[in-house]
Amino acid sequence: MSLKIEKKNAETLALEGRLDTLTAPELEAEISAMFPTVQTLTLDMEKLDYISSAGLRVILKTQKALEKKAGLKLTHVSNEVKEVFDITGFSDFLTIE
């Protein structure tokens, strides 16, 4: 499977598919390109089916980079992905709506 990244607006990316070792660099590159102009970033995860440790690393790196700005927000997180965030402790510091 693959990851589809749709730029919904200047500060929102919609993710669809799998965020894993093969697709995490694609998301990381997309986010890095946005850093100079964004104060906050929203990742719409409504259609994200799976996240691996590589995907978690991208989320953590993004969270840390945006701490001095307005931050990172995750929306429409599926139960499966939310469970990964809960088990890893990411739910304790991420903004999940």
C-alpha atoms as a PDB file:
ATOM      1  CA  MET A   1       0.000   0.000   0.000  1.00  0.00           C
ATOM      2  CA  SER A   2       0.973   3.619  -0.214  1.00  0.00           C
ATOM      3  CA  LEU A   3       0.347   6.971   1.350  1.00  0.00           C
ATOM      4  CA  LYS A   4      -1.627   9.701  -0.351  1.00  0.00           C
ATOM      5  CA  ILE A   5      -1.017  13.222   0.952  1.00  0.00           C
ATOM      6  CA  GLU A   6      -3.531  15.898   0.034  1.00  0.00           C
ATOM      7  CA  LYS A   7      -2.841  19.517   0.882  1.00  0.00           C
ATOM      8  CA  LYS A   8      -6.281  20.726   1.979  1.00  0.00           C
ATOM      9  CA  ASN A   9      -5.088  24.259   2.719  1.00  0.00           C
ATOM     10  CA  ALA A  10      -1.930  26.096   3.770  1.00  0.00           C
ATOM     11  CA  GLU A  11      -1.885  24.422   7.193  1.00  0.00           C
ATOM     12  CA  THR A  12      -3.704  21.090   6.725  1.00  0.00           C
ATOM     13  CA  LEU A  13      -2.580  17.818   5.200  1.00  0.00           C
ATOM     14  CA  ALA A  14      -4.974  14.899   4.748  1.00  0.00           C
ATOM     15  CA  LEU A  15      -3.354  11.474   4.935  1.00  0.00           C
ATOM     16  CA  GLU A  16      -4.725   8.337   3.301  1.00  0.00           C
ATOM     17  CA  GLY A  17      -3.289   4.825   3.384  1.00  0.00           C
ATOM     18  CA  ARG A  18      -0.271   3.636   5.360  1.00  0.00           C
ATOM     19  CA  LEU A  19       2.352   5.734   7.112  1.00  0.00           C
ATOM     20  CA  ASP A  20       5.266   3.324   7.363  1.00  0.00           C
ATOM     21  CA  THR A  21       8.977   2.945   6.618  1.00  0.00           C
ATOM     22  CA  LEU A  22       8.429   3.360   2.882  1.00  0.00           C
ATOM     23  CA  THR A  23       6.069   6.353   3.032  1.00  0.00           C
ATOM     24  CA  ALA A  24       7.312   8.291   6.086  1.00  0.00           C
ATOM     25  CA  PRO A  25      10.060  10.099   4.102  1.00  0.00           C
ATOM     26  CA  GLU A  26       7.393  11.396   1.703  1.00  0.00           C
ATOM     27  CA  LEU A  27       5.386  12.930   4.565  1.00  0.00           C
ATOM     28  CA  GLU A  28       8.536  14.279   6.199  1.00  0.00           C
ATOM     29  CA  ALA A  29       9.529  16.039   2.961  1.00  0.00           C
ATOM     30  CA  GLU A  30       6.043  17.533   2.560  1.00  0.00           C
ATOM     31  CA  ILE A  31       6.039  18.834   6.137  1.00  0.00           C
ATOM     32  CA  SER A  32       9.588  20.186   5.866  1.00  0.00           C
ATOM     33  CA  ALA A  33       8.592  22.196   2.800  1.00  0.00           C
ATOM     34  CA  MET A  34       5.766  23.779   4.819  1.00  0.00           C
ATOM     35  CA  PHE A  35       7.823  24.722   7.921  1.00  0.00           C
ATOM     36  CA  PRO A  36       8.959  28.173   6.771  1.00  0.00           C
ATOM     37  CA  THR A  37       5.392  29.422   6.345  1.00  0.00           C
ATOM     38  CA  VAL A  38       3.233  27.594   8.911  1.00  0.00           C
ATOM     39  CA  GLN A  39       2.598  28.437  12.541  1.00  0.00           C
ATOM     40  CA  THR A  40       0.369  25.435  13.103  1.00  0.00           C
ATOM     41  CA  LEU A  41      -0.098  22.200  11.203  1.00  0.00           C
ATOM     42  CA  THR A  42      -3.135  19.930  11.151  1.00  0.00           C
ATOM     43  CA  LEU A  43      -2.857  16.334  10.007  1.00  0.00           C
ATOM     44  CA  ASP A  44      -6.269  14.972   9.043  1.00  0.00           C
ATOM     45  CA  MET A  45      -5.960  11.219   9.647  1.00  0.00           C
ATOM     46  CA  GLU A  46      -9.509  10.208   8.752  1.00  0.00           C
ATOM     47  CA  LYS A  47      -8.325   7.857   5.988  1.00  0.00           C
ATOM     48  CA  LEU A  48      -5.029   6.772   7.563  1.00  0.00           C
ATOM     49  CA  ASP A  49      -5.216   3.010   8.051  1.00  0.00           C
ATOM     50  CA  TYR A  50      -1.867   2.284   9.686  1.00  0.00           C
ATOM     51  CA  ILE A  51       1.093   4.002  11.340  1.00  0.00           C
ATOM     52  CA  SER A  52       4.455   2.373  12.079  1.00  0.00           C
ATOM     53  CA  SER A  53       7.369   3.487  14.236  1.00  0.00           C
ATOM     54  CA  ALA A  54       8.737   5.380  11.222  1.00  0.00           C
ATOM     55  CA  GLY A  55       5.479   7.323  11.030  1.00  0.00           C
ATOM     56  CA  LEU A  56       5.599   7.976  14.767  1.00  0.00           C
ATOM     57  CA  ARG A  57       9.112   9.389  14.341  1.00  0.00           C
ATOM     58  CA  VAL A  58       7.849  11.887  11.739  1.00  0.00           C
ATOM     59  CA  ILE A  59       4.980  12.900  14.058  1.00  0.00           C
ATOM     60  CA  LEU A  60       7.372  13.338  17.005  1.00  0.00           C
ATOM     61  CA  LYS A  61       9.862  15.350  14.944  1.00  0.00           C
ATOM     62  CA  THR A  62       7.043  17.579  13.665  1.00  0.00           C
ATOM     63  CA  GLN A  63       5.621  18.067  17.170  1.00  0.00           C
ATOM     64  CA  LYS A  64       9.031  19.135  18.498  1.00  0.00           C
ATOM     65  CA  ALA A  65       9.654  21.482  15.564  1.00  0.00           C
ATOM     66  CA  LEU A  66       6.287  23.205  16.029  1.00  0.00           C
ATOM     67  CA  GLU A  67       6.434  23.512  19.842  1.00  0.00           C
ATOM     68  CA  LYS A  68       7.804  27.055  19.557  1.00  0.00           C
ATOM     69  CA  LYS A  69       5.026  27.925  17.123  1.00  0.00           C
ATOM     70  CA  ALA A  70       1.306  27.233  17.495  1.00  0.00           C
ATOM     71  CA  GLY A  71       1.800  23.461  17.333  1.00  0.00           C
ATOM     72  CA  LEU A  72       0.619  20.272  15.701  1.00  0.00           C
ATOM     73  CA  LYS A  73      -2.956  18.997  15.739  1.00  0.00           C
ATOM     74  CA  LEU A  74      -4.215  15.576  14.645  1.00  0.00           C
ATOM     75  CA  THR A  75      -7.850  15.241  13.606  1.00  0.00           C
ATOM     76  CA  HIS A  76     -10.217  12.391  12.725  1.00  0.00           C
ATOM     77  CA  VAL A  77      -7.853   9.758  14.134  1.00  0.00           C
ATOM     78  CA  SER A  78      -9.182   6.206  13.653  1.00  0.00           C
ATOM     79  CA  ASN A  79      -9.451   3.847  16.609  1.00  0.00           C
ATOM     80  CA  GLU A  80      -6.597   1.714  15.258  1.00  0.00           C
ATOM     81  CA  VAL A  81      -4.186   4.649  14.940  1.00  0.00           C
ATOM     82  CA  LYS A  82      -5.374   6.126  18.262  1.00  0.00           C
ATOM     83  CA  GLU A  83      -4.547   2.820  19.940  1.00  0.00           C
ATOM     84  CA  VAL A  84      -0.956   3.081  18.656  1.00  0.00           C
ATOM     85  CA  PHE A  85      -0.740   6.616  20.081  1.00  0.00           C
ATOM     86  CA  ASP A  86      -2.138   5.376  23.408  1.00  0.00           C
ATOM     87  CA  ILE A  87       0.216   2.391  23.681  1.00  0.00           C
ATOM     88  CA  THR A  88       3.298   4.454  22.836  1.00  0.00           C
ATOM     89  CA  GLY A  89       2.360   7.344  25.125  1.00  0.00           C
ATOM     90  CA  PHE A  90       2.049   9.786  22.233  1.00  0.00           C
ATOM     91  CA  SER A  91      -1.515  10.560  23.347  1.00  0.00           C
ATOM     92  CA  ASP A  92      -0.037  12.196  26.442  1.00  0.00           C
ATOM     93  CA  PHE A  93       1.589  15.042  24.501  1.00  0.00           C
ATOM     94  CA  LEU A  94      -0.170  15.236  21.128  1.00  0.00           C
ATOM     95  CA  THR A  95      -3.254  17.330  20.460  1.00  0.00           C
ATOM     96  CA  ILE A  96      -5.771  14.822  19.106  1.00  0.00           C
ATOM     97  CA  GLU A  97      -9.250  16.001  18.149  1.00  0.00           C
END
